[in-house]
Amino acid sequence: VQSIINLLKTDTSPCEASSLILSETDKIICLDDYEKNETIVETVWVTASGGDCVEEGVKVTATISGSGKRLISISPKNASTDINGQAEFEITVKKKKKGTAKVTFESGSLGKKIMTVKMMKKCEDDDDL
């Protein structure tokens, strides 16, 4: 592992991202975990990577499909990846009701990735299944 870290630190060849990676493809928001008037904000990370490197300065656009726009908002609409190849977005719940929204993250030649955001009134613990 240490040799890989050293390689990433000393390699001066240009890095070109080949794909987008989402921090999670399915996001579940448990509405009962929040107070009635509490603002619900969840952070999502999108990484531009390829091979053994990440790329800084890649513009990533986020859009919400169809009826999902009534349930959530996303900010910012566009973000550029940082030195770690990551762009940060925040999902804010607009209506505290059950539902599903799809968020598409897209970046030119890197294509797009879709995240499904599910708002649930009550979430089950994995131990209860």
Protein backbone atom coordinates (compact mmCIF):
# COMPACT_ATOMS: atom_id res chain seq x y z
CA VAL A 1 0.00 0.00 0.00
CA GLN A 2 2.82 2.42 0.88
CA SER A 3 4.42 1.96 -2.56
CA ILE A 4 1.12 2.91 -4.22
CA ILE A 5 0.88 6.04 -2.08
CA ASN A 6 4.46 6.99 -3.00
CA LEU A 7 3.74 6.38 -6.68
CA LEU A 8 0.71 8.67 -6.55
CA LYS A 9 2.75 11.39 -4.83
CA THR A 10 5.75 11.29 -7.16
CA ASP A 11 4.16 10.48 -10.52
CA THR A 12 4.19 13.64 -12.66
CA SER A 13 2.42 12.17 -15.68
CA PRO A 14 -0.87 13.89 -16.51
CA CYS A 15 -3.93 12.39 -14.92
CA GLU A 16 -7.14 12.07 -16.87
CA ALA A 17 -10.31 10.95 -15.19
CA SER A 18 -12.26 8.25 -16.99
CA SER A 19 -15.36 7.93 -14.83
CA LEU A 20 -17.50 9.43 -12.09
CA ILE A 21 -17.91 7.60 -8.80
CA LEU A 22 -20.74 8.39 -6.35
CA SER A 23 -20.24 8.16 -2.61
CA GLU A 24 -23.47 6.13 -2.65
CA THR A 25 -25.92 5.20 -5.40
CA ASP A 26 -28.90 4.78 -3.07
CA LYS A 27 -29.48 7.37 -0.38
CA ILE A 28 -32.10 6.69 2.28
CA ILE A 29 -33.28 9.60 4.42
CA CYS A 30 -35.22 8.60 7.54
CA LEU A 31 -37.69 11.42 8.14
CA ASP A 32 -38.49 10.29 11.70
CA ASP A 33 -34.87 11.02 12.66
CA TYR A 34 -35.55 14.76 12.33
CA GLU A 35 -37.67 17.29 14.20
CA LYS A 36 -40.74 18.66 12.42
CA ASN A 37 -39.20 22.03 11.49
CA GLU A 38 -35.59 20.85 11.23
CA THR A 39 -33.89 21.34 7.89
CA ILE A 40 -32.64 18.04 6.49
CA VAL A 41 -29.39 18.37 4.55
CA GLU A 42 -27.35 15.39 3.39
CA THR A 43 -23.89 15.61 1.76
CA VAL A 44 -23.01 13.63 -1.36
CA TRP A 45 -19.52 13.26 -2.85
CA VAL A 46 -18.81 12.71 -6.54
CA THR A 47 -15.27 11.67 -7.50
CA ALA A 48 -13.64 11.98 -10.94
CA SER A 49 -11.10 9.18 -11.21
CA GLY A 50 -9.25 7.00 -13.64
CA GLY A 51 -6.76 4.24 -12.99
CA ASP A 52 -4.67 5.19 -9.96
CA CYS A 53 -5.36 8.90 -10.01
CA VAL A 54 -8.03 11.52 -9.42
CA GLU A 55 -8.49 14.72 -11.40
CA GLU A 56 -8.88 18.24 -10.09
CA GLY A 57 -11.02 20.85 -11.84
CA VAL A 58 -13.59 18.54 -13.46
CA LYS A 59 -16.99 20.24 -13.70
CA VAL A 60 -19.87 18.08 -12.44
CA THR A 61 -23.52 19.05 -12.98
CA ALA A 62 -26.38 17.78 -10.78
CA THR A 63 -30.02 17.66 -11.89
CA ILE A 64 -33.15 16.28 -10.27
CA SER A 65 -35.58 14.35 -12.45
CA GLY A 66 -39.32 14.99 -12.76
CA SER A 67 -41.45 14.94 -9.63
CA GLY A 68 -38.38 14.60 -7.43
CA LYS A 69 -37.98 18.38 -7.74
CA ARG A 70 -40.94 18.78 -5.38
CA LEU A 71 -39.29 16.61 -2.72
CA ILE A 72 -35.64 17.71 -2.70
CA SER A 73 -33.28 20.37 -3.95
CA ILE A 74 -29.55 20.08 -4.65
CA SER A 75 -26.87 22.67 -4.19
CA PRO A 76 -24.81 23.71 -5.98
CA LYS A 77 -26.10 22.83 -9.46
CA ASN A 78 -22.49 22.74 -10.72
CA ALA A 79 -19.29 22.02 -8.81
CA SER A 80 -15.67 21.41 -9.77
CA THR A 81 -13.61 18.61 -8.27
CA ASP A 82 -11.01 19.62 -5.71
CA ILE A 83 -7.40 18.44 -5.33
CA ASN A 84 -8.76 15.07 -4.11
CA GLY A 85 -10.89 14.71 -7.25
CA GLN A 86 -14.10 15.23 -5.26
CA ALA A 87 -17.03 17.57 -5.76
CA GLU A 88 -19.44 18.15 -2.87
CA PHE A 89 -23.20 18.51 -3.22
CA GLU A 90 -25.88 18.95 -0.58
CA ILE A 91 -29.35 17.44 -0.86
CA THR A 92 -32.03 19.36 1.05
CA VAL A 93 -35.42 17.81 1.75
CA LYS A 94 -38.15 20.26 0.74
CA LYS A 95 -41.19 18.20 1.76
CA LYS A 96 -41.04 15.77 4.64
CA LYS A 97 -43.10 13.04 3.05
CA LYS A 98 -42.42 9.60 1.68
CA GLY A 99 -41.17 9.53 -1.86
CA THR A 100 -38.34 8.88 -4.28
CA ALA A 101 -36.24 11.27 -6.31
CA LYS A 102 -33.51 10.61 -8.84
CA VAL A 103 -30.45 12.85 -9.05
CA THR A 104 -28.24 12.69 -12.14
CA PHE A 105 -24.59 13.70 -11.84
CA GLU A 106 -22.96 14.36 -15.20
CA SER A 107 -19.58 15.49 -16.48
CA GLY A 108 -19.01 15.67 -20.23
CA SER A 109 -16.97 12.73 -21.49
CA LEU A 110 -17.08 11.03 -18.06
CA GLY A 111 -20.75 10.25 -18.59
CA LYS A 112 -23.39 10.27 -15.90
CA LYS A 113 -24.32 8.46 -12.72
CA ILE A 114 -27.76 8.34 -11.14
CA MET A 115 -28.47 8.38 -7.42
CA THR A 116 -31.84 7.31 -6.05
CA VAL A 117 -32.89 9.28 -2.96
CA LYS A 118 -35.63 7.67 -0.88
CA MET A 119 -37.45 9.52 1.88
CA MET A 120 -38.96 7.11 4.37
CA LYS A 121 -41.07 7.89 7.45
CA LYS A 122 -39.51 5.13 9.50
CA CYS A 123 -36.37 3.17 8.69
CA GLU A 124 -35.78 -0.35 9.85
CA ASP A 125 -32.52 -1.29 11.56
CA ASP A 126 -30.52 -3.98 9.76
CA ASP A 127 -30.69 -6.05 12.98
CA ASP A 128 -34.48 -6.14 12.79
CA LEU A 129 -34.57 -7.74 9.33
